[in-house]
Amino acid sequence: MIEFAPYLLVLIGWQPADVDGSMTASQLLQPNQLECERAGERALVDSNGAYRRYFCLEAPTQHDIEEMWQEQKR
């Protein structure tokens, strides 16, 4: 079986004039790092004056998840 490890695009943002009332966070799965970076850049362009940052994180593999599960059981 070929393992597929997508990337997680995390977007955070807020309006500078109303930080407390406008904070947002969202996440989307992307098929690879390049697509994740492209989607993050598009989100910055489409920000409509909001302050935005994005992060691309490699999603954990099935092996990573199993290791974390085993650690939690100890």
PDB file of N, CA and C in Angstrom:
ATOM      1  N   MET A   1       0.836  -1.173   0.000  1.00  0.00           N
ATOM      2  CA  MET A   1       0.000   0.000   0.000  1.00  0.00           C
ATOM      3  C   MET A   1       0.889   1.246   0.000  1.00  0.00           C
ATOM      4  N   ILE A   2       0.595   2.189  -0.875  1.00  0.00           N
ATOM      5  CA  ILE A   2       1.327   3.447  -0.926  1.00  0.00           C
ATOM      6  C   ILE A   2       0.657   4.414   0.031  1.00  0.00           C
ATOM      7  N   GLU A   3       1.459   4.984   0.905  1.00  0.00           N
ATOM      8  CA  GLU A   3       0.895   5.910   1.884  1.00  0.00           C
ATOM      9  C   GLU A   3       0.891   7.326   1.325  1.00  0.00           C
ATOM     10  N   PHE A   4      -0.180   8.013   1.558  1.00  0.00           N
ATOM     11  CA  PHE A   4      -0.359   9.384   1.093  1.00  0.00           C
ATOM     12  C   PHE A   4      -0.411  10.288   2.312  1.00  0.00           C
ATOM     13  N   ALA A   5       0.485  11.253   2.389  1.00  0.00           N
ATOM     14  CA  ALA A   5       0.504  12.181   3.515  1.00  0.00           C
ATOM     15  C   ALA A   5       0.218  13.587   3.006  1.00  0.00           C
ATOM     16  N   PRO A   6      -1.015  14.046   3.143  1.00  0.00           N
ATOM     17  CA  PRO A   6      -1.353  15.386   2.665  1.00  0.00           C
ATOM     18  C   PRO A   6      -0.756  16.467   3.567  1.00  0.00           C
ATOM     19  N   TYR A   7      -0.889  17.673   3.124  1.00  0.00           N
ATOM     20  CA  TYR A   7      -0.472  18.827   3.913  1.00  0.00           C
ATOM     21  C   TYR A   7      -1.706  19.535   4.448  1.00  0.00           C
ATOM     22  N   LEU A   8      -1.565  20.081   5.624  1.00  0.00           N
ATOM     23  CA  LEU A   8      -2.645  20.807   6.269  1.00  0.00           C
ATOM     24  C   LEU A   8      -2.335  22.299   6.158  1.00  0.00           C
ATOM     25  N   LEU A   9      -3.202  23.030   5.467  1.00  0.00           N
ATOM     26  CA  LEU A   9      -3.079  24.477   5.356  1.00  0.00           C
ATOM     27  C   LEU A   9      -3.846  25.096   6.517  1.00  0.00           C
ATOM     28  N   VAL A  10      -3.147  25.831   7.355  1.00  0.00           N
ATOM     29  CA  VAL A  10      -3.763  26.513   8.491  1.00  0.00           C
ATOM     30  C   VAL A  10      -3.728  28.010   8.202  1.00  0.00           C
ATOM     31  N   LEU A  11      -4.900  28.634   8.200  1.00  0.00           N
ATOM     32  CA  LEU A  11      -5.027  30.075   7.957  1.00  0.00           C
ATOM     33  C   LEU A  11      -5.497  30.760   9.231  1.00  0.00           C
ATOM     34  N   ILE A  12      -4.812  31.822   9.616  1.00  0.00           N
ATOM     35  CA  ILE A  12      -5.276  32.638  10.734  1.00  0.00           C
ATOM     36  C   ILE A  12      -5.389  34.074  10.236  1.00  0.00           C
ATOM     37  N   GLY A  13      -6.334  34.818  10.785  1.00  0.00           N
ATOM     38  CA  GLY A  13      -6.495  36.195  10.337  1.00  0.00           C
ATOM     39  C   GLY A  13      -7.368  37.006  11.256  1.00  0.00           C
ATOM     40  N   TRP A  14      -7.318  38.332  11.043  1.00  0.00           N
ATOM     41  CA  TRP A  14      -8.155  39.258  11.772  1.00  0.00           C
ATOM     42  C   TRP A  14      -8.129  40.608  11.082  1.00  0.00           C
ATOM     43  N   GLN A  15      -9.120  41.419  11.391  1.00  0.00           N
ATOM     44  CA  GLN A  15      -9.181  42.792  10.894  1.00  0.00           C
ATOM     45  C   GLN A  15      -8.441  43.678  11.894  1.00  0.00           C
ATOM     46  N   PRO A  16      -7.474  44.463  11.447  1.00  0.00           N
ATOM     47  CA  PRO A  16      -6.718  45.309  12.376  1.00  0.00           C
ATOM     48  C   PRO A  16      -7.595  46.280  13.171  1.00  0.00           C
ATOM     49  N   ALA A  17      -8.700  46.741  12.604  1.00  0.00           N
ATOM     50  CA  ALA A  17      -9.570  47.688  13.299  1.00  0.00           C
ATOM     51  C   ALA A  17     -10.415  47.033  14.392  1.00  0.00           C
ATOM     52  N   ASP A  18     -10.563  45.710  14.358  1.00  0.00           N
ATOM     53  CA  ASP A  18     -11.400  44.997  15.329  1.00  0.00           C
ATOM     54  C   ASP A  18     -10.808  43.614  15.584  1.00  0.00           C
ATOM     55  N   VAL A  19      -9.656  43.594  16.204  1.00  0.00           N
ATOM     56  CA  VAL A  19      -8.948  42.327  16.404  1.00  0.00           C
ATOM     57  C   VAL A  19      -9.797  41.333  17.191  1.00  0.00           C
ATOM     58  N   ASP A  20     -10.323  41.738  18.340  1.00  0.00           N
ATOM     59  CA  ASP A  20     -11.087  40.809  19.183  1.00  0.00           C
ATOM     60  C   ASP A  20     -12.326  40.261  18.490  1.00  0.00           C
ATOM     61  N   GLY A  21     -12.996  41.067  17.699  1.00  0.00           N
ATOM     62  CA  GLY A  21     -14.235  40.638  17.062  1.00  0.00           C
ATOM     63  C   GLY A  21     -14.072  39.972  15.716  1.00  0.00           C
ATOM     64  N   SER A  22     -12.852  39.899  15.226  1.00  0.00           N
ATOM     65  CA  SER A  22     -12.693  39.387  13.863  1.00  0.00           C
ATOM     66  C   SER A  22     -11.688  38.249  13.719  1.00  0.00           C
ATOM     67  N   MET A  23     -11.201  37.707  14.815  1.00  0.00           N
ATOM     68  CA  MET A  23     -10.196  36.639  14.722  1.00  0.00           C
ATOM     69  C   MET A  23     -10.810  35.387  14.105  1.00  0.00           C
ATOM     70  N   THR A  24     -10.100  34.817  13.137  1.00  0.00           N
ATOM     71  CA  THR A  24     -10.565  33.599  12.477  1.00  0.00           C
ATOM     72  C   THR A  24      -9.419  32.609  12.334  1.00  0.00           C
ATOM     73  N   ALA A  25      -9.777  31.358  12.258  1.00  0.00           N
ATOM     74  CA  ALA A  25      -8.819  30.289  11.971  1.00  0.00           C
ATOM     75  C   ALA A  25      -9.545  29.243  11.145  1.00  0.00           C
ATOM     76  N   SER A  26      -8.858  28.709  10.169  1.00  0.00           N
ATOM     77  CA  SER A  26      -9.442  27.642   9.361  1.00  0.00           C
ATOM     78  C   SER A  26      -8.334  26.716   8.896  1.00  0.00           C
ATOM     79  N   GLN A  27      -8.729  25.540   8.480  1.00  0.00           N
ATOM     80  CA  GLN A  27      -7.751  24.579   7.981  1.00  0.00           C
ATOM     81  C   GLN A  27      -8.338  23.811   6.807  1.00  0.00           C
ATOM     82  N   LEU A  28      -7.464  23.450   5.884  1.00  0.00           N
ATOM     83  CA  LEU A  28      -7.847  22.696   4.692  1.00  0.00           C
ATOM     84  C   LEU A  28      -6.755  21.687   4.385  1.00  0.00           C
ATOM     85  N   LEU A  29      -7.148  20.518   3.928  1.00  0.00           N
ATOM     86  CA  LEU A  29      -6.154  19.546   3.483  1.00  0.00           C
ATOM     87  C   LEU A  29      -5.781  19.833   2.038  1.00  0.00           C
ATOM     88  N   GLN A  30      -4.502  19.737   1.745  1.00  0.00           N
ATOM     89  CA  GLN A  30      -3.985  19.935   0.398  1.00  0.00           C
ATOM     90  C   GLN A  30      -3.200  18.689   0.003  1.00  0.00           C
ATOM     91  N   PRO A  31      -3.172  18.334  -1.288  1.00  0.00           N
ATOM     92  CA  PRO A  31      -2.544  17.083  -1.707  1.00  0.00           C
ATOM     93  C   PRO A  31      -1.024  17.059  -1.598  1.00  0.00           C
ATOM     94  N   ASN A  32      -0.382  18.231  -1.617  1.00  0.00           N
ATOM     95  CA  ASN A  32       1.081  18.265  -1.513  1.00  0.00           C
ATOM     96  C   ASN A  32       1.510  19.656  -1.055  1.00  0.00           C
ATOM     97  N   GLN A  33       2.803  19.810  -0.787  1.00  0.00           N
ATOM     98  CA  GLN A  33       3.300  21.066  -0.243  1.00  0.00           C
ATOM     99  C   GLN A  33       3.143  22.220  -1.233  1.00  0.00           C
ATOM    100  N   LEU A  34       3.382  21.975  -2.506  1.00  0.00           N
ATOM    101  CA  LEU A  34       3.263  23.030  -3.509  1.00  0.00           C
ATOM    102  C   LEU A  34       1.834  23.570  -3.579  1.00  0.00           C
ATOM    103  N   GLU A  35       0.850  22.677  -3.616  1.00  0.00           N
ATOM    104  CA  GLU A  35      -0.552  23.116  -3.643  1.00  0.00           C
ATOM    105  C   GLU A  35      -0.921  23.850  -2.359  1.00  0.00           C
ATOM    106  N   CYS A  36      -0.358  23.418  -1.252  1.00  0.00           N
ATOM    107  CA  CYS A  36      -0.617  24.077   0.027  1.00  0.00           C
ATOM    108  C   CYS A  36      -0.088  25.509  -0.006  1.00  0.00           C
ATOM    109  N   GLU A  37       1.136  25.678  -0.481  1.00  0.00           N
ATOM    110  CA  GLU A  37       1.726  27.014  -0.577  1.00  0.00           C
ATOM    111  C   GLU A  37       0.914  27.905  -1.521  1.00  0.00           C
ATOM    112  N   ARG A  38       0.499  27.356  -2.647  1.00  0.00           N
ATOM    113  CA  ARG A  38      -0.308  28.132  -3.601  1.00  0.00           C
ATOM    114  C   ARG A  38      -1.629  28.579  -2.982  1.00  0.00           C
ATOM    115  N   ALA A  39      -2.294  27.669  -2.292  1.00  0.00           N
ATOM    116  CA  ALA A  39      -3.569  28.010  -1.651  1.00  0.00           C
ATOM    117  C   ALA A  39      -3.361  29.059  -0.558  1.00  0.00           C
ATOM    118  N   GLY A  40      -2.268  28.955   0.177  1.00  0.00           N
ATOM    119  CA  GLY A  40      -1.961  29.954   1.196  1.00  0.00           C
ATOM    120  C   GLY A  40      -1.718  31.323   0.592  1.00  0.00           C
ATOM    121  N   GLU A  41      -0.979  31.369  -0.507  1.00  0.00           N
ATOM    122  CA  GLU A  41      -0.723  32.645  -1.188  1.00  0.00           C
ATOM    123  C   GLU A  41      -2.018  33.251  -1.732  1.00  0.00           C
ATOM    124  N   ARG A  42      -2.894  32.405  -2.289  1.00  0.00           N
ATOM    125  CA  ARG A  42      -4.191  32.905  -2.777  1.00  0.00           C
ATOM    126  C   ARG A  42      -5.006  33.502  -1.631  1.00  0.00           C
ATOM    127  N   ALA A  43      -4.964  32.855  -0.476  1.00  0.00           N
ATOM    128  CA  ALA A  43      -5.703  33.364   0.685  1.00  0.00           C
ATOM    129  C   ALA A  43      -5.175  34.731   1.109  1.00  0.00           C
ATOM    130  N   LEU A  44      -3.872  34.942   1.004  1.00  0.00           N
ATOM    131  CA  LEU A  44      -3.308  36.247   1.344  1.00  0.00           C
ATOM    132  C   LEU A  44      -3.789  37.318   0.374  1.00  0.00           C
ATOM    133  N   VAL A  45      -3.828  36.986  -0.910  1.00  0.00           N
ATOM    134  CA  VAL A  45      -4.286  37.934  -1.926  1.00  0.00           C
ATOM    135  C   VAL A  45      -5.762  38.274  -1.722  1.00  0.00           C
ATOM    136  N   ASP A  46      -6.559  37.287  -1.329  1.00  0.00           N
ATOM    137  CA  ASP A  46      -8.006  37.469  -1.154  1.00  0.00           C
ATOM    138  C   ASP A  46      -8.389  37.959   0.244  1.00  0.00           C
ATOM    139  N   SER A  47      -7.454  38.516   0.987  1.00  0.00           N
ATOM    140  CA  SER A  47      -7.709  38.839   2.395  1.00  0.00           C
ATOM    141  C   SER A  47      -8.595  40.062   2.615  1.00  0.00           C
ATOM    142  N   ASN A  48      -8.841  40.885   1.595  1.00  0.00           N
ATOM    143  CA  ASN A  48      -9.717  42.064   1.717  1.00  0.00           C
ATOM    144  C   ASN A  48      -9.356  42.955   2.898  1.00  0.00           C
ATOM    145  N   GLY A  49      -8.087  43.235   3.070  1.00  0.00           N
ATOM    146  CA  GLY A  49      -7.642  44.130   4.135  1.00  0.00           C
ATOM    147  C   GLY A  49      -7.397  43.474   5.474  1.00  0.00           C
ATOM    148  N   ALA A  50      -7.751  42.220   5.614  1.00  0.00           N
ATOM    149  CA  ALA A  50      -7.504  41.515   6.871  1.00  0.00           C
ATOM    150  C   ALA A  50      -6.034  41.114   6.945  1.00  0.00           C
ATOM    151  N   TYR A  51      -5.525  41.050   8.156  1.00  0.00           N
ATOM    152  CA  TYR A  51      -4.182  40.533   8.364  1.00  0.00           C
ATOM    153  C   TYR A  51      -4.295  39.018   8.345  1.00  0.00           C
ATOM    154  N   ARG A  52      -3.520  38.366   7.515  1.00  0.00           N
ATOM    155  CA  ARG A  52      -3.571  36.899   7.424  1.00  0.00           C
ATOM    156  C   ARG A  52      -2.178  36.314   7.397  1.00  0.00           C
ATOM    157  N   ARG A  53      -2.072  35.132   7.978  1.00  0.00           N
ATOM    158  CA  ARG A  53      -0.858  34.323   7.912  1.00  0.00           C
ATOM    159  C   ARG A  53      -1.298  32.912   7.585  1.00  0.00           C
ATOM    160  N   TYR A  54      -0.419  32.165   6.952  1.00  0.00           N
ATOM    161  CA  TYR A  54      -0.725  30.764   6.688  1.00  0.00           C
ATOM    162  C   TYR A  54       0.481  29.903   7.011  1.00  0.00           C
ATOM    163  N   PHE A  55       0.193  28.652   7.312  1.00  0.00           N
ATOM    164  CA  PHE A  55       1.217  27.666   7.621  1.00  0.00           C
ATOM    165  C   PHE A  55       0.855  26.380   6.901  1.00  0.00           C
ATOM    166  N   CYS A  56       1.833  25.723   6.311  1.00  0.00           N
ATOM    167  CA  CYS A  56       1.633  24.422   5.677  1.00  0.00           C
ATOM    168  C   CYS A  56       2.343  23.373   6.526  1.00  0.00           C
ATOM    169  N   LEU A  57       1.582  22.457   7.055  1.00  0.00           N
ATOM    170  CA  LEU A  57       2.114  21.420   7.934  1.00  0.00           C
ATOM    171  C   LEU A  57       1.863  20.057   7.314  1.00  0.00           C
ATOM    172  N   GLU A  58       2.876  19.211   7.304  1.00  0.00           N
ATOM    173  CA  GLU A  58       2.680  17.866   6.781  1.00  0.00           C
ATOM    174  C   GLU A  58       1.801  17.088   7.756  1.00  0.00           C
ATOM    175  N   ALA A  59       0.735  16.530   7.243  1.00  0.00           N
ATOM    176  CA  ALA A  59      -0.174  15.751   8.088  1.00  0.00           C
ATOM    177  C   ALA A  59       0.538  14.483   8.560  1.00  0.00           C
ATOM    178  N   PRO A  60       0.203  13.989   9.736  1.00  0.00           N
ATOM    179  CA  PRO A  60       0.848  12.768  10.215  1.00  0.00           C
ATOM    180  C   PRO A  60       0.466  11.564   9.358  1.00  0.00           C
ATOM    181  N   THR A  61       1.410  10.665   9.198  1.00  0.00           N
ATOM    182  CA  THR A  61       1.158   9.427   8.462  1.00  0.00           C
ATOM    183  C   THR A  61       0.452   8.434   9.382  1.00  0.00           C
ATOM    184  N   GLN A  62      -0.023   7.355   8.819  1.00  0.00           N
ATOM    185  CA  GLN A  62      -0.656   6.315   9.625  1.00  0.00           C
ATOM    186  C   GLN A  62       0.333   5.771  10.653  1.00  0.00           C
ATOM    187  N   HIS A  63       1.590   5.636  10.251  1.00  0.00           N
ATOM    188  CA  HIS A  63       2.635   5.165  11.167  1.00  0.00           C
ATOM    189  C   HIS A  63       2.804   6.147  12.336  1.00  0.00           C
ATOM    190  N   ASP A  64       2.826   7.451  12.039  1.00  0.00           N
ATOM    191  CA  ASP A  64       2.940   8.468  13.091  1.00  0.00           C
ATOM    192  C   ASP A  64       1.778   8.368  14.073  1.00  0.00           C
ATOM    193  N   ILE A  65       0.583   8.195  13.547  1.00  0.00           N
ATOM    194  CA  ILE A  65      -0.610   8.103  14.391  1.00  0.00           C
ATOM    195  C   ILE A  65      -0.541   6.873  15.286  1.00  0.00           C
ATOM    196  N   GLU A  66      -0.122   5.749  14.727  1.00  0.00           N
ATOM    197  CA  GLU A  66       0.002   4.527  15.520  1.00  0.00           C
ATOM    198  C   GLU A  66       1.048   4.687  16.614  1.00  0.00           C
ATOM    199  N   GLU A  67       2.165   5.335  16.312  1.00  0.00           N
ATOM    200  CA  GLU A  67       3.195   5.573  17.326  1.00  0.00           C
ATOM    201  C   GLU A  67       2.667   6.461  18.450  1.00  0.00           C
ATOM    202  N   MET A  68       1.941   7.520  18.095  1.00  0.00           N
ATOM    203  CA  MET A  68       1.368   8.398  19.117  1.00  0.00           C
ATOM    204  C   MET A  68       0.375   7.634  19.988  1.00  0.00           C
ATOM    205  N   TRP A  69      -0.424   6.777  19.364  1.00  0.00           N
ATOM    206  CA  TRP A  69      -1.405   5.980  20.098  1.00  0.00           C
ATOM    207  C   TRP A  69      -0.707   5.054  21.092  1.00  0.00           C
ATOM    208  N   GLN A  70       0.371   4.410  20.648  1.00  0.00           N
ATOM    209  CA  GLN A  70       1.122   3.513  21.527  1.00  0.00           C
ATOM    210  C   GLN A  70       1.745   4.285  22.691  1.00  0.00           C
ATOM    211  N   GLU A  71       2.246   5.484  22.431  1.00  0.00           N
ATOM    212  CA  GLU A  71       2.817   6.307  23.501  1.00  0.00           C
ATOM    213  C   GLU A  71       1.760   6.683  24.527  1.00  0.00           C
ATOM    214  N   GLN A  72       0.552   6.998  24.070  1.00  0.00           N
ATOM    215  CA  GLN A  72      -0.521   7.386  24.980  1.00  0.00           C
ATOM    216  C   GLN A  72      -0.948   6.225  25.871  1.00  0.00           C
ATOM    217  N   LYS A  73      -0.809   5.009  25.384  1.00  0.00           N
ATOM    218  CA  LYS A  73      -1.219   3.829  26.153  1.00  0.00           C
ATOM    219  C   LYS A  73      -0.222   3.500  27.257  1.00  0.00           C
ATOM    220  N   ARG A  74       0.975   4.031  27.197  1.00  0.00           N
ATOM    221  CA  ARG A  74       2.001   3.707  28.213  1.00  0.00           C
ATOM    222  C   ARG A  74       1.761   4.404  29.509  1.00  0.00           C
TER     223      ARG A  74
END
